[in-house]
Amino acid sequence: MLAPITQGCGAVFMMHHVRPARDDAFQPNRHLEITPDFLRLAIERIRANGYEIIAMDEAVDLLKSGYGSHRYAVLTFDDGYRDNLEIAYPILKELNAPFTVYIATGLIDRTSELWWLALERIIAENDEVVFTRAGETSGIPCRSIQEKNACFNKLVDYLTLELGELDQRTVVRALAEKYRIDMRALADGLVMNWDEVRQLASDPLVSIGAHTHEHFAMARLDKSAARADVNKGLLRLEEELGRRPKHFAYPYGKSHAVSLRDADIIREFGFASSVTTLPGVLQSVNARDPMMLPRVSLNGRFQDPAVVDEYLTGAPFALYRVARWAAAGFGVRSGFSRLFPSTR
């Protein structure tokens, strides 16, 4: 019923990991993982709904030219995980589906860390996490699955809302050392190296986009630091791949992690587009400023082809915005947030 009003002209789909399902009871980052079967089903559903899967270059051109006679979808992957090459790429190649991978170059260089995954492992392997906060040392129990989830949420809120980006990494590194989590080995096991990025980039089906160097939340840095992180990521991609990327994805991309100031920074670098993790489909209003494009997250907690159909109507995102406005007015948290969790 709402689709004629809310559907828009296209959609940019966001993914991170594509790999077989894990049976671990504690999976706080599960929303960042989809299975190979679901990826295949999602592409089938996108096309069955009359959407053509196209490259980001073409999508930006179509968005600027206004609503056409057909709708389109773009497939994107964030960070640069090895399963994008080993698992997702063969499926997308077989289905002739172009896609973009946004590379956080610090992860490829191993100078940045998968701190959210390190935190998951620390909590999974311990019954209590002890850390220092504001000069005081305290412990958070994490024996049961319920306690582990509560501990993870509490620490993520502390790291992303109370601490600055540099202090966040200092605390996580200290926790990793204390609980014997090898951050370098974690990245080595999950993230591509430069040879693998080059292998992926050699196929015309694949576009490589920028995703900063250190994977910091830009809005939580001062302007010069934010600009430097973007610039370093660009330089590393040019050095390793021999060409400058045209498209950008904000790390995290949520409202507290990206601002209009950051859109101005990205515009100054001459990018053709930049994407957030703010939920939504592409509509005519996005043509005015392609530096803050919404995306549709293929969420690992909702791997049902019917969900893809619902997302493409645009209705869940319109309802989500209404619910957020209402929640803000009444000072409560919307239940829709479970469908659109914070994305790392």
Protein backbone atom coordinates (compact mmCIF):
# COMPACT_ATOMS: atom_id res chain seq x y z
CA MET A 1 0.00 0.00 0.00
CA LEU A 2 2.80 2.42 0.85
CA ALA A 3 5.13 1.39 -1.98
CA PRO A 4 3.86 3.90 -4.57
CA ILE A 5 4.81 6.68 -2.14
CA THR A 6 7.91 5.21 -0.49
CA GLN A 7 9.59 3.00 -3.09
CA GLY A 8 11.97 5.46 -4.68
CA CYS A 9 14.04 4.85 -7.79
CA GLY A 10 16.66 2.46 -6.48
CA ALA A 11 18.52 1.02 -3.53
CA VAL A 12 22.11 0.63 -2.40
CA PHE A 13 22.53 -2.62 -0.48
CA MET A 14 25.15 -2.85 2.27
CA MET A 15 26.97 -5.99 3.34
CA HIS A 16 30.10 -6.89 5.26
CA HIS A 17 30.84 -10.60 5.69
CA VAL A 18 29.51 -13.39 3.47
CA ARG A 19 30.30 -16.75 5.03
CA PRO A 20 28.67 -19.92 6.36
CA ALA A 21 26.49 -19.50 9.42
CA ARG A 22 28.15 -19.97 12.80
CA ASP A 23 26.41 -21.84 15.62
CA ASP A 24 27.97 -19.83 18.47
CA ALA A 25 25.37 -18.79 21.02
CA PHE A 26 27.08 -15.41 21.53
CA GLN A 27 27.21 -13.46 18.25
CA PRO A 28 26.81 -9.74 18.94
CA ASN A 29 28.12 -8.90 15.45
CA ARG A 30 25.81 -11.32 13.70
CA HIS A 31 24.06 -8.48 11.86
CA LEU A 32 27.30 -8.02 9.88
CA GLU A 33 27.25 -11.56 8.45
CA ILE A 34 25.07 -13.17 5.80
CA THR A 35 25.34 -16.64 4.34
CA PRO A 36 26.24 -17.42 0.72
CA ASP A 37 22.77 -18.89 0.20
CA PHE A 38 21.11 -15.70 1.39
CA LEU A 39 23.31 -13.57 -0.85
CA ARG A 40 22.16 -15.63 -3.82
CA LEU A 41 18.51 -15.47 -2.74
CA ALA A 42 18.72 -11.72 -2.16
CA ILE A 43 20.01 -11.14 -5.69
CA GLU A 44 17.22 -13.30 -7.07
CA ARG A 45 14.62 -11.33 -5.10
CA ILE A 46 16.08 -7.98 -6.17
CA ARG A 47 15.84 -8.97 -9.81
CA ALA A 48 12.43 -10.60 -9.39
CA ASN A 49 11.17 -7.22 -8.13
CA GLY A 50 12.20 -5.65 -11.43
CA TYR A 51 15.46 -4.08 -10.28
CA GLU A 52 18.57 -4.11 -12.45
CA ILE A 53 21.81 -4.57 -10.52
CA ILE A 54 24.27 -1.96 -11.76
CA ALA A 55 27.61 -0.42 -10.82
CA MET A 56 27.77 2.61 -8.54
CA ASP A 57 28.97 4.83 -11.40
CA GLU A 58 25.83 4.15 -13.39
CA ALA A 59 23.58 4.48 -10.34
CA VAL A 60 24.91 7.97 -9.57
CA ASP A 61 24.34 9.02 -13.20
CA LEU A 62 20.78 7.69 -13.14
CA LEU A 63 20.07 9.31 -9.79
CA LYS A 64 21.14 12.69 -11.11
CA SER A 65 19.10 12.31 -14.30
CA GLY A 66 15.87 11.71 -12.40
CA TYR A 67 13.42 8.82 -12.24
CA GLY A 68 13.72 6.57 -15.28
CA SER A 69 11.61 3.77 -16.64
CA HIS A 70 13.27 1.10 -14.50
CA ARG A 71 14.57 0.70 -10.97
CA TYR A 72 18.10 -0.25 -10.05
CA ALA A 73 20.13 -1.67 -7.19
CA VAL A 74 23.78 -1.42 -6.18
CA LEU A 75 25.60 -4.07 -4.13
CA THR A 76 28.26 -2.81 -1.70
CA PHE A 77 30.60 -4.41 0.84
CA ASP A 78 32.43 -2.52 3.59
CA ASP A 79 35.95 -2.88 5.03
CA GLY A 80 37.69 -5.43 2.78
CA TYR A 81 37.09 -8.90 4.20
CA ARG A 82 38.69 -11.94 2.55
CA ASP A 83 35.32 -13.68 2.28
CA ASN A 84 34.27 -10.93 -0.15
CA LEU A 85 36.88 -12.40 -2.52
CA GLU A 86 36.68 -16.08 -1.66
CA ILE A 87 32.93 -16.51 -1.14
CA ALA A 88 30.92 -13.52 -2.37
CA TYR A 89 32.90 -12.85 -5.56
CA PRO A 90 32.37 -16.29 -7.19
CA ILE A 91 28.62 -16.03 -6.58
CA LEU A 92 28.39 -12.50 -7.95
CA LYS A 93 30.59 -13.42 -10.92
CA GLU A 94 28.33 -16.34 -11.75
CA LEU A 95 25.24 -14.14 -11.49
CA ASN A 96 26.91 -11.29 -13.43
CA ALA A 97 26.16 -8.86 -10.61
CA PRO A 98 28.52 -5.86 -10.36
CA PHE A 99 29.49 -4.70 -6.89
CA THR A 100 31.62 -2.23 -4.95
CA VAL A 101 34.01 -3.01 -2.09
CA TYR A 102 34.88 -0.05 0.14
CA ILE A 103 38.41 -0.62 1.44
CA ALA A 104 39.62 0.65 4.83
CA THR A 105 43.30 0.72 3.91
CA GLY A 106 44.52 0.58 7.50
CA LEU A 107 42.89 -2.82 7.84
CA ILE A 108 44.73 -4.01 4.73
CA ASP A 109 48.00 -2.50 6.05
CA ARG A 110 47.24 -4.03 9.48
CA THR A 111 47.68 -0.65 11.18
CA SER A 112 44.01 -0.50 12.18
CA GLU A 113 42.06 -3.09 14.13
CA LEU A 114 38.81 -5.01 14.01
CA TRP A 115 38.08 -3.80 17.52
CA TRP A 116 34.43 -4.89 17.54
CA LEU A 117 35.45 -8.47 16.72
CA ALA A 118 38.25 -8.40 19.27
CA LEU A 119 35.72 -7.29 21.87
CA GLU A 120 33.43 -10.18 20.89
CA ARG A 121 36.24 -12.69 21.39
CA ILE A 122 37.33 -11.21 24.71
CA ILE A 123 33.79 -11.46 26.10
CA ALA A 124 33.19 -14.90 24.59
CA GLU A 125 36.29 -16.37 26.26
CA ASN A 126 35.91 -14.84 29.72
CA ASP A 127 33.46 -14.71 32.63
CA GLU A 128 34.35 -11.14 33.52
CA VAL A 129 35.90 -8.20 31.68
CA VAL A 130 37.91 -5.87 33.89
CA PHE A 131 38.86 -2.44 32.58
CA THR A 132 39.75 1.02 33.83
CA ARG A 133 37.27 3.84 33.37
CA ALA A 134 37.82 7.39 34.58
CA GLY A 135 40.72 6.17 36.72
CA GLU A 136 38.67 3.46 38.40
CA THR A 137 39.00 -0.26 37.70
CA SER A 138 35.80 -2.27 37.56
CA GLY A 139 34.62 -5.60 36.21
CA ILE A 140 31.60 -6.47 34.10
CA PRO A 141 30.28 -10.03 34.58
CA CYS A 142 29.79 -12.03 31.37
CA ARG A 143 29.10 -15.63 32.35
CA SER A 144 25.72 -16.20 30.72
CA ILE A 145 24.78 -15.31 27.15
CA GLN A 146 22.52 -12.58 28.52
CA GLU A 147 25.40 -11.13 30.56
CA LYS A 148 27.75 -11.36 27.58
CA ASN A 149 25.36 -9.42 25.36
CA ALA A 150 24.85 -6.80 28.07
CA CYS A 151 28.62 -6.52 28.56
CA PHE A 152 29.22 -6.10 24.83
CA ASN A 153 26.56 -3.39 24.52
CA LYS A 154 27.85 -1.54 27.55
CA LEU A 155 31.44 -1.56 26.31
CA VAL A 156 30.47 -0.54 22.77
CA ASP A 157 28.45 2.40 24.11
CA TYR A 158 31.42 3.42 26.25
CA LEU A 159 33.90 3.11 23.38
CA THR A 160 31.79 4.86 20.75
CA LEU A 161 29.89 7.47 22.74
CA GLU A 162 32.04 8.40 25.72
CA LEU A 163 35.61 8.02 24.47
CA GLY A 164 37.24 9.75 21.54
CA GLU A 165 38.40 7.65 18.60
CA LEU A 166 42.08 7.57 19.63
CA ASP A 167 41.27 6.76 23.26
CA GLN A 168 38.87 4.06 22.05
CA ARG A 169 41.68 2.25 20.25
CA THR A 170 44.01 2.63 23.24
CA VAL A 171 41.46 0.98 25.53
CA VAL A 172 40.75 -1.86 23.09
CA ARG A 173 44.45 -2.55 22.54
CA ALA A 174 44.95 -2.69 26.31
CA LEU A 175 42.04 -5.11 26.68
CA ALA A 176 43.36 -7.26 23.83
CA GLU A 177 46.79 -7.43 25.47
CA LYS A 178 45.29 -8.20 28.87
CA TYR A 179 43.11 -11.01 27.52
CA ARG A 180 45.66 -12.30 24.99
CA ILE A 181 43.82 -11.49 21.79
CA ASP A 182 46.24 -11.04 18.88
CA MET A 183 44.73 -8.14 16.93
CA ARG A 184 47.14 -8.57 14.02
CA ALA A 185 46.34 -12.28 13.72
CA LEU A 186 42.63 -11.47 13.82
CA ALA A 187 43.00 -9.16 10.82
CA ASP A 188 45.31 -11.60 9.03
CA GLY A 189 42.62 -14.26 9.29
CA LEU A 190 39.68 -12.15 8.14
CA VAL A 191 40.88 -9.22 6.00
CA MET A 192 42.37 -9.26 2.50
CA ASN A 193 45.98 -8.35 1.81
CA TRP A 194 46.94 -6.02 -1.04
CA ASP A 195 47.53 -8.84 -3.53
CA GLU A 196 43.99 -10.07 -2.87
CA VAL A 197 42.57 -6.56 -3.24
CA ARG A 198 44.39 -6.25 -6.57
CA GLN A 199 42.99 -9.60 -7.66
CA LEU A 200 39.47 -8.41 -6.93
CA ALA A 201 40.04 -5.02 -8.53
CA SER A 202 41.27 -6.60 -11.76
CA ASP A 203 37.74 -7.70 -12.69
CA PRO A 204 35.66 -4.97 -14.42
CA LEU A 205 32.68 -6.32 -12.49
CA VAL A 206 34.23 -4.94 -9.31
CA SER A 207 34.65 -1.32 -8.20
CA ILE A 208 36.96 -0.43 -5.34
CA GLY A 209 35.83 2.47 -3.17
CA ALA A 210 37.48 4.37 -0.30
CA HIS A 211 36.62 3.88 3.39
CA THR A 212 39.28 6.04 5.15
CA HIS A 213 42.57 4.60 6.42
CA GLU A 214 42.10 3.93 10.13
CA HIS A 215 38.32 3.34 10.03
CA PHE A 216 37.59 6.17 12.45
CA ALA A 217 34.14 7.71 12.85
CA MET A 218 34.75 10.97 10.99
CA ALA A 219 32.32 13.11 12.98
CA ARG A 220 34.18 12.24 16.19
CA LEU A 221 37.45 13.66 14.83
CA ASP A 222 38.33 17.30 14.36
CA LYS A 223 38.23 18.49 10.77
CA SER A 224 41.94 18.23 10.08
CA ALA A 225 42.17 14.71 11.51
CA ALA A 226 39.09 13.58 9.58
CA ARG A 227 40.47 15.00 6.37
CA ALA A 228 43.88 13.40 6.98
CA ASP A 229 42.33 9.97 7.51
CA VAL A 230 40.38 10.22 4.24
CA ASN A 231 43.45 11.48 2.40
CA LYS A 232 45.69 8.71 3.69
CA GLY A 233 43.18 6.09 2.60
CA LEU A 234 43.02 7.65 -0.85
CA LEU A 235 46.80 7.77 -1.20
CA ARG A 236 47.22 4.15 -0.16
CA LEU A 237 44.61 3.00 -2.69
CA GLU A 238 46.30 5.01 -5.44
CA GLU A 239 49.72 3.63 -4.48
CA GLU A 240 48.60 0.01 -4.43
CA LEU A 241 46.00 -0.06 -7.22
CA GLY A 242 47.27 2.67 -9.54
CA ARG A 243 44.01 4.58 -9.70
CA ARG A 244 41.95 6.92 -7.56
CA PRO A 245 38.58 5.65 -6.31
CA LYS A 246 35.49 7.64 -7.24
CA HIS A 247 33.18 6.49 -4.45
CA PHE A 248 33.37 6.59 -0.65
CA ALA A 249 31.69 4.97 2.35
CA TYR A 250 31.72 6.55 5.81
CA PRO A 251 32.94 4.18 8.54
CA TYR A 252 30.00 3.31 10.78
CA GLY A 253 27.88 5.91 9.00
CA LYS A 254 25.36 6.38 11.80
CA SER A 255 24.16 9.81 12.87
CA HIS A 256 26.76 10.16 15.64
CA ALA A 257 29.56 9.03 13.30
CA VAL A 258 29.00 11.23 10.25
CA SER A 259 27.95 14.84 9.81
CA LEU A 260 27.31 17.40 7.10
CA ARG A 261 30.82 18.69 7.75
CA ASP A 262 32.13 15.29 6.71
CA ALA A 263 30.06 15.40 3.54
CA ASP A 264 31.77 18.69 2.74
CA ILE A 265 35.17 17.06 3.28
CA ILE A 266 34.31 14.20 0.93
CA ARG A 267 33.00 16.66 -1.66
CA GLU A 268 36.29 18.56 -1.54
CA PHE A 269 38.15 15.38 -2.49
CA GLY A 270 36.06 15.12 -5.65
CA PHE A 271 34.22 11.88 -4.93
CA ALA A 272 31.20 11.19 -7.11
CA SER A 273 29.24 9.71 -4.19
CA SER A 274 29.48 8.67 -0.58
CA VAL A 275 27.24 6.27 1.31
CA THR A 276 26.17 6.10 4.94
CA THR A 277 24.59 3.26 6.91
CA LEU A 278 21.46 5.35 7.47
CA PRO A 279 18.58 3.15 6.32
CA GLY A 280 16.63 4.08 3.21
CA VAL A 281 16.13 3.74 -0.52
CA LEU A 282 17.25 6.20 -3.17
CA GLN A 283 14.78 8.97 -3.89
CA SER A 284 14.84 12.19 -5.87
CA VAL A 285 15.95 14.19 -2.82
CA ASN A 286 19.24 12.22 -2.79
CA ALA A 287 20.15 13.59 -6.23
CA ARG A 288 20.64 17.01 -4.64
CA ASP A 289 23.51 15.73 -2.54
CA PRO A 290 25.01 12.30 -3.36
CA MET A 291 27.47 12.76 -0.50
CA MET A 292 25.03 11.31 2.10
CA LEU A 293 23.32 8.41 0.35
CA PRO A 294 21.28 5.94 2.44
CA ARG A 295 21.71 2.19 2.20
CA VAL A 296 19.69 -0.96 2.77
CA SER A 297 21.48 -3.32 5.14
CA LEU A 298 21.24 -7.03 4.44
CA ASN A 299 21.10 -7.91 8.12
CA GLY A 300 22.36 -11.30 9.27
CA ARG A 301 19.58 -11.50 11.86
CA PHE A 302 16.87 -11.29 9.21
CA GLN A 303 17.95 -13.61 6.39
CA ASP A 304 14.55 -14.06 4.81
CA PRO A 305 13.98 -13.30 1.11
CA ALA A 306 10.62 -11.75 2.06
CA VAL A 307 12.53 -9.08 4.00
CA VAL A 308 14.27 -8.05 0.78
CA ASP A 309 10.86 -7.59 -0.85
CA GLU A 310 9.73 -5.43 2.07
CA TYR A 311 12.90 -3.33 2.02
CA LEU A 312 12.48 -2.58 -1.68
CA THR A 313 9.08 -1.02 -1.04
CA GLY A 314 10.84 1.62 1.07
CA ALA A 315 8.01 1.37 3.59
CA PRO A 316 10.08 0.01 6.54
CA PHE A 317 12.42 3.00 6.27
CA ALA A 318 9.58 5.52 6.09
CA LEU A 319 8.02 3.91 9.17
CA TYR A 320 11.41 3.86 10.88
CA ARG A 321 11.80 7.61 10.37
CA VAL A 322 8.31 8.27 11.69
CA ALA A 323 8.99 6.07 14.71
CA ARG A 324 12.26 7.90 15.42
CA TRP A 325 10.56 11.27 15.22
CA ALA A 326 7.85 10.06 17.57
CA ALA A 327 10.39 8.51 19.94
CA ALA A 328 12.39 11.72 20.00
CA GLY A 329 9.24 13.64 20.84
CA PHE A 330 8.33 11.32 23.70
CA GLY A 331 11.87 10.57 24.84
CA VAL A 332 11.72 6.81 24.19
CA ARG A 333 13.69 4.43 22.01
CA SER A 334 11.90 3.07 18.97
CA GLY A 335 11.36 -0.68 18.64
CA PHE A 336 12.35 -0.33 15.01
CA SER A 337 15.97 -0.03 16.17
CA ARG A 338 16.17 -3.82 16.34
CA LEU A 339 15.79 -3.94 12.58
CA PHE A 340 18.41 -1.26 12.03
CA PRO A 341 21.13 -1.86 14.67
CA SER A 342 24.29 0.16 14.93
CA THR A 343 26.55 -0.96 12.11
CA ARG A 344 30.29 -1.12 12.63
